[in-house]
Amino acid sequence: MDDDARANPHMDGKTLTGAEKARLRGIGQRLEATVRLGKGGLTPAFAAELQRQLKARGLVKLRFAGLGRDERSALCPRIAQESGSECVGAVGQTALFYSPVPPALPADAG
């Protein structure tokens, strides 16, 4: 298993193509930032909320608050690795993270 598959086990060793990332960035432009990361850093509460939203939505827009450019650049790959997602874009104070939403289980028919 390669490093990408270990870092992002849900992707089965595949990474998104440039076209897929571009499509997701287009969708992300219309999203509101639903997760915020401040000077407190990567707390367990932040990680849990990001995981919850990734499982529910698949594409999550994050807003950095009070962090410099270098800090934001360093945090994006770390957040992706720790959340099992992929950073599909980062501009200014925001970043987009993607993780495929697991298929819904069929409702019990009986």
N, C-alpha and C. Protein backbone atom coordinates (compact mmCIF):
# COMPACT_ATOMS: atom_id res chain seq x y z
N MET A 1 0.86 -1.18 0.00
CA MET A 1 0.00 0.00 0.00
C MET A 1 0.89 1.24 0.00
N ASP A 2 0.60 2.22 -0.87
CA ASP A 2 1.44 3.41 -0.93
C ASP A 2 1.07 4.41 0.16
N ASP A 3 1.89 5.46 0.30
CA ASP A 3 1.68 6.46 1.36
C ASP A 3 0.34 7.16 1.22
N ASP A 4 -0.10 7.48 -0.01
CA ASP A 4 -1.37 8.15 -0.20
C ASP A 4 -2.53 7.29 0.30
N ALA A 5 -2.47 5.99 0.04
CA ALA A 5 -3.53 5.10 0.48
C ALA A 5 -3.55 5.01 2.00
N ARG A 6 -2.38 5.03 2.63
CA ARG A 6 -2.34 5.00 4.09
C ARG A 6 -2.88 6.29 4.67
N ALA A 7 -2.52 7.41 4.07
CA ALA A 7 -2.97 8.71 4.57
C ALA A 7 -4.45 8.91 4.31
N ASN A 8 -4.97 8.38 3.21
CA ASN A 8 -6.36 8.54 2.82
C ASN A 8 -6.95 7.17 2.50
N PRO A 9 -7.22 6.35 3.52
CA PRO A 9 -7.66 4.98 3.28
C PRO A 9 -8.97 4.88 2.51
N HIS A 10 -9.82 5.87 2.59
CA HIS A 10 -11.10 5.82 1.87
C HIS A 10 -10.91 5.93 0.37
N MET A 11 -9.74 6.37 -0.07
CA MET A 11 -9.51 6.59 -1.49
C MET A 11 -8.92 5.36 -2.17
N ASP A 12 -8.65 4.30 -1.46
CA ASP A 12 -8.10 3.07 -2.03
C ASP A 12 -6.89 3.33 -2.92
N GLY A 13 -6.02 4.25 -2.51
CA GLY A 13 -4.81 4.51 -3.25
C GLY A 13 -4.98 5.47 -4.41
N LYS A 14 -6.20 5.93 -4.69
CA LYS A 14 -6.44 6.85 -5.79
C LYS A 14 -6.48 8.28 -5.26
N THR A 15 -5.96 9.19 -6.05
CA THR A 15 -6.11 10.60 -5.73
C THR A 15 -7.01 11.22 -6.79
N LEU A 16 -7.54 12.36 -6.49
CA LEU A 16 -8.42 13.04 -7.43
C LEU A 16 -7.62 13.59 -8.60
N THR A 17 -8.23 13.58 -9.76
CA THR A 17 -7.59 14.17 -10.94
C THR A 17 -7.72 15.68 -10.87
N GLY A 18 -6.97 16.36 -11.70
CA GLY A 18 -7.07 17.82 -11.76
C GLY A 18 -8.47 18.28 -12.12
N ALA A 19 -9.11 17.57 -13.04
CA ALA A 19 -10.48 17.93 -13.46
C ALA A 19 -11.47 17.73 -12.30
N GLU A 20 -11.30 16.65 -11.55
CA GLU A 20 -12.18 16.41 -10.40
C GLU A 20 -12.01 17.50 -9.35
N LYS A 21 -10.76 17.88 -9.08
CA LYS A 21 -10.50 18.95 -8.11
C LYS A 21 -11.09 20.27 -8.59
N ALA A 22 -10.96 20.56 -9.87
CA ALA A 22 -11.52 21.81 -10.42
C ALA A 22 -13.04 21.83 -10.27
N ARG A 23 -13.69 20.70 -10.53
CA ARG A 23 -15.14 20.62 -10.37
C ARG A 23 -15.54 20.84 -8.92
N LEU A 24 -14.81 20.23 -7.99
CA LEU A 24 -15.11 20.40 -6.57
C LEU A 24 -14.86 21.85 -6.12
N ARG A 25 -13.82 22.48 -6.65
CA ARG A 25 -13.56 23.88 -6.30
C ARG A 25 -14.70 24.77 -6.79
N GLY A 26 -15.24 24.47 -7.97
CA GLY A 26 -16.39 25.22 -8.48
C GLY A 26 -17.59 25.09 -7.57
N ILE A 27 -17.84 23.89 -7.09
CA ILE A 27 -18.94 23.68 -6.15
C ILE A 27 -18.64 24.43 -4.85
N GLY A 28 -17.40 24.37 -4.41
CA GLY A 28 -16.99 25.00 -3.15
C GLY A 28 -17.13 26.50 -3.14
N GLN A 29 -17.08 27.13 -4.30
CA GLN A 29 -17.23 28.59 -4.36
C GLN A 29 -18.58 29.03 -3.85
N ARG A 30 -19.57 28.18 -3.98
CA ARG A 30 -20.93 28.52 -3.55
C ARG A 30 -21.21 28.10 -2.11
N LEU A 31 -20.28 27.41 -1.48
CA LEU A 31 -20.49 26.94 -0.11
C LEU A 31 -20.10 28.00 0.91
N GLU A 32 -20.78 27.99 2.01
CA GLU A 32 -20.38 28.79 3.17
C GLU A 32 -19.37 27.97 3.97
N ALA A 33 -18.45 28.65 4.61
CA ALA A 33 -17.50 27.96 5.49
C ALA A 33 -18.27 27.48 6.72
N THR A 34 -18.24 26.18 6.96
CA THR A 34 -19.00 25.61 8.08
C THR A 34 -18.11 25.16 9.23
N VAL A 35 -16.81 25.19 9.02
CA VAL A 35 -15.86 24.83 10.08
C VAL A 35 -14.83 25.96 10.17
N ARG A 36 -14.48 26.32 11.38
CA ARG A 36 -13.49 27.39 11.59
C ARG A 36 -12.33 26.86 12.42
N LEU A 37 -11.14 27.28 12.02
CA LEU A 37 -9.94 26.89 12.75
C LEU A 37 -9.21 28.16 13.15
N GLY A 38 -9.02 28.33 14.46
CA GLY A 38 -8.36 29.53 14.96
C GLY A 38 -7.01 29.21 15.57
N LYS A 39 -6.57 30.13 16.40
CA LYS A 39 -5.25 30.01 17.02
C LYS A 39 -5.15 28.81 17.95
N GLY A 40 -6.29 28.25 18.36
CA GLY A 40 -6.28 27.06 19.21
C GLY A 40 -5.73 25.84 18.49
N GLY A 41 -5.70 25.89 17.16
CA GLY A 41 -5.12 24.80 16.38
C GLY A 41 -6.03 23.61 16.22
N LEU A 42 -5.42 22.49 15.94
CA LEU A 42 -6.14 21.25 15.67
C LEU A 42 -6.53 20.56 16.97
N THR A 43 -7.65 20.95 17.51
CA THR A 43 -8.13 20.37 18.75
C THR A 43 -8.96 19.12 18.47
N PRO A 44 -9.18 18.28 19.46
CA PRO A 44 -10.06 17.12 19.25
C PRO A 44 -11.47 17.53 18.83
N ALA A 45 -11.96 18.65 19.36
CA ALA A 45 -13.30 19.12 18.99
C ALA A 45 -13.34 19.53 17.52
N PHE A 46 -12.29 20.20 17.04
CA PHE A 46 -12.21 20.56 15.63
C PHE A 46 -12.20 19.31 14.76
N ALA A 47 -11.36 18.35 15.11
CA ALA A 47 -11.24 17.12 14.34
C ALA A 47 -12.56 16.37 14.28
N ALA A 48 -13.26 16.30 15.41
CA ALA A 48 -14.54 15.59 15.46
C ALA A 48 -15.59 16.29 14.59
N GLU A 49 -15.62 17.61 14.64
CA GLU A 49 -16.59 18.35 13.83
C GLU A 49 -16.29 18.21 12.34
N LEU A 50 -15.03 18.29 11.97
CA LEU A 50 -14.66 18.12 10.57
C LEU A 50 -15.05 16.73 10.09
N GLN A 51 -14.76 15.71 10.88
CA GLN A 51 -15.13 14.33 10.50
C GLN A 51 -16.64 14.20 10.33
N ARG A 52 -17.39 14.78 11.25
CA ARG A 52 -18.85 14.70 11.19
C ARG A 52 -19.36 15.32 9.88
N GLN A 53 -18.82 16.49 9.55
CA GLN A 53 -19.28 17.18 8.35
C GLN A 53 -18.81 16.48 7.07
N LEU A 54 -17.60 15.94 7.07
CA LEU A 54 -17.13 15.20 5.89
C LEU A 54 -18.01 13.98 5.64
N LYS A 55 -18.40 13.28 6.70
CA LYS A 55 -19.25 12.10 6.54
C LYS A 55 -20.64 12.48 6.04
N ALA A 56 -21.13 13.65 6.46
CA ALA A 56 -22.47 14.09 6.08
C ALA A 56 -22.51 14.71 4.69
N ARG A 57 -21.47 15.48 4.34
CA ARG A 57 -21.51 16.28 3.12
C ARG A 57 -20.50 15.86 2.06
N GLY A 58 -19.34 15.40 2.49
CA GLY A 58 -18.29 15.05 1.54
C GLY A 58 -17.37 16.20 1.19
N LEU A 59 -17.92 17.40 1.02
CA LEU A 59 -17.13 18.57 0.67
C LEU A 59 -17.36 19.64 1.74
N VAL A 60 -16.30 20.03 2.41
CA VAL A 60 -16.41 20.96 3.53
C VAL A 60 -15.48 22.14 3.31
N LYS A 61 -16.02 23.33 3.51
CA LYS A 61 -15.23 24.55 3.40
C LYS A 61 -14.84 25.00 4.80
N LEU A 62 -13.56 25.22 4.98
CA LEU A 62 -12.99 25.59 6.28
C LEU A 62 -12.49 27.03 6.20
N ARG A 63 -12.70 27.79 7.25
CA ARG A 63 -12.17 29.15 7.33
C ARG A 63 -11.13 29.22 8.43
N PHE A 64 -9.97 29.74 8.08
CA PHE A 64 -8.91 29.96 9.05
C PHE A 64 -9.11 31.34 9.67
N ALA A 65 -8.97 31.43 10.98
CA ALA A 65 -9.14 32.71 11.67
C ALA A 65 -7.86 33.04 12.42
N GLY A 66 -7.27 34.17 12.09
CA GLY A 66 -6.12 34.66 12.83
C GLY A 66 -4.83 33.89 12.58
N LEU A 67 -4.74 33.20 11.47
CA LEU A 67 -3.53 32.44 11.16
C LEU A 67 -2.84 33.05 9.95
N GLY A 68 -1.53 33.07 9.96
CA GLY A 68 -0.76 33.61 8.85
C GLY A 68 -0.70 32.65 7.67
N ARG A 69 -0.23 33.16 6.56
CA ARG A 69 -0.16 32.38 5.32
C ARG A 69 0.66 31.10 5.50
N ASP A 70 1.81 31.22 6.15
CA ASP A 70 2.67 30.04 6.34
C ASP A 70 1.99 29.00 7.21
N GLU A 71 1.30 29.46 8.26
CA GLU A 71 0.59 28.53 9.14
C GLU A 71 -0.51 27.81 8.37
N ARG A 72 -1.27 28.56 7.58
CA ARG A 72 -2.36 27.95 6.78
C ARG A 72 -1.80 26.92 5.81
N SER A 73 -0.70 27.28 5.14
CA SER A 73 -0.08 26.35 4.17
C SER A 73 0.38 25.07 4.84
N ALA A 74 0.92 25.18 6.04
CA ALA A 74 1.40 24.00 6.75
C ALA A 74 0.25 23.15 7.28
N LEU A 75 -0.87 23.79 7.63
CA LEU A 75 -1.98 23.05 8.23
C LEU A 75 -2.80 22.26 7.22
N CYS A 76 -2.93 22.73 6.00
CA CYS A 76 -3.79 22.04 5.02
C CYS A 76 -3.42 20.57 4.82
N PRO A 77 -2.15 20.24 4.54
CA PRO A 77 -1.84 18.81 4.37
C PRO A 77 -2.00 18.01 5.66
N ARG A 78 -1.73 18.65 6.77
CA ARG A 78 -1.87 17.96 8.06
C ARG A 78 -3.34 17.66 8.36
N ILE A 79 -4.21 18.64 8.10
CA ILE A 79 -5.65 18.43 8.29
C ILE A 79 -6.14 17.31 7.38
N ALA A 80 -5.70 17.32 6.13
CA ALA A 80 -6.11 16.28 5.18
C ALA A 80 -5.68 14.91 5.65
N GLN A 81 -4.44 14.81 6.09
CA GLN A 81 -3.93 13.51 6.54
C GLN A 81 -4.68 13.03 7.78
N GLU A 82 -4.86 13.91 8.75
CA GLU A 82 -5.51 13.50 10.01
C GLU A 82 -7.00 13.21 9.83
N SER A 83 -7.64 13.83 8.84
CA SER A 83 -9.07 13.61 8.65
C SER A 83 -9.36 12.55 7.59
N GLY A 84 -8.30 12.07 6.90
CA GLY A 84 -8.52 11.09 5.84
C GLY A 84 -9.21 11.70 4.64
N SER A 85 -9.01 13.00 4.44
CA SER A 85 -9.63 13.70 3.32
C SER A 85 -8.54 14.21 2.39
N GLU A 86 -8.96 14.94 1.36
CA GLU A 86 -8.00 15.54 0.45
C GLU A 86 -8.31 17.03 0.34
N CYS A 87 -7.30 17.85 0.47
CA CYS A 87 -7.46 19.29 0.28
C CYS A 87 -7.52 19.53 -1.23
N VAL A 88 -8.67 20.03 -1.70
CA VAL A 88 -8.83 20.25 -3.14
C VAL A 88 -8.56 21.69 -3.54
N GLY A 89 -8.36 22.55 -2.56
CA GLY A 89 -8.04 23.94 -2.87
C GLY A 89 -7.96 24.78 -1.62
N ALA A 90 -7.10 25.78 -1.67
CA ALA A 90 -6.97 26.72 -0.56
C ALA A 90 -6.70 28.10 -1.16
N VAL A 91 -7.54 29.06 -0.80
CA VAL A 91 -7.39 30.43 -1.28
C VAL A 91 -7.63 31.37 -0.10
N GLY A 92 -6.66 32.22 0.16
CA GLY A 92 -6.82 33.19 1.24
C GLY A 92 -7.06 32.52 2.57
N GLN A 93 -8.15 32.86 3.20
CA GLN A 93 -8.49 32.36 4.53
C GLN A 93 -9.35 31.09 4.50
N THR A 94 -9.58 30.51 3.32
CA THR A 94 -10.44 29.33 3.24
C THR A 94 -9.73 28.16 2.56
N ALA A 95 -10.20 26.97 2.86
CA ALA A 95 -9.70 25.75 2.22
C ALA A 95 -10.86 24.77 2.08
N LEU A 96 -10.80 23.96 1.03
CA LEU A 96 -11.83 22.95 0.77
C LEU A 96 -11.25 21.56 0.99
N PHE A 97 -12.00 20.74 1.72
CA PHE A 97 -11.59 19.36 1.97
C PHE A 97 -12.67 18.43 1.46
N TYR A 98 -12.24 17.34 0.81
CA TYR A 98 -13.17 16.39 0.21
C TYR A 98 -12.89 14.99 0.72
N SER A 99 -13.97 14.29 1.01
CA SER A 99 -13.91 12.87 1.33
C SER A 99 -15.19 12.26 0.79
N PRO A 100 -15.11 11.18 0.03
CA PRO A 100 -16.34 10.59 -0.52
C PRO A 100 -17.31 10.23 0.60
N VAL A 101 -18.57 10.55 0.38
CA VAL A 101 -19.61 10.22 1.36
C VAL A 101 -19.91 8.74 1.21
N PRO A 102 -19.89 8.00 2.33
CA PRO A 102 -20.19 6.57 2.22
C PRO A 102 -21.62 6.37 1.74
N PRO A 103 -21.87 5.34 0.95
CA PRO A 103 -23.24 5.11 0.47
C PRO A 103 -24.19 4.87 1.63
N ALA A 104 -25.40 5.36 1.47
CA ALA A 104 -26.43 5.17 2.51
C ALA A 104 -26.83 3.69 2.55
N LEU A 105 -27.08 3.23 3.75
CA LEU A 105 -27.54 1.85 3.90
C LEU A 105 -29.01 1.79 3.51
N PRO A 106 -29.42 0.73 2.81
CA PRO A 106 -30.83 0.63 2.42
C PRO A 106 -31.73 0.51 3.65
N ALA A 107 -32.87 1.15 3.58
CA ALA A 107 -33.83 1.06 4.69
C ALA A 107 -34.37 -0.36 4.78
N ASP A 108 -34.64 -0.79 6.00
CA ASP A 108 -35.20 -2.13 6.21
C ASP A 108 -36.58 -2.22 5.57
N ALA A 109 -36.76 -3.16 4.72
CA ALA A 109 -38.03 -3.30 4.01
C ALA A 109 -39.05 -4.10 4.80
N GLY A 110 -38.69 -4.54 5.95
CA GLY A 110 -39.64 -5.42 6.61
C GLY A 110 -39.74 -5.11 8.01
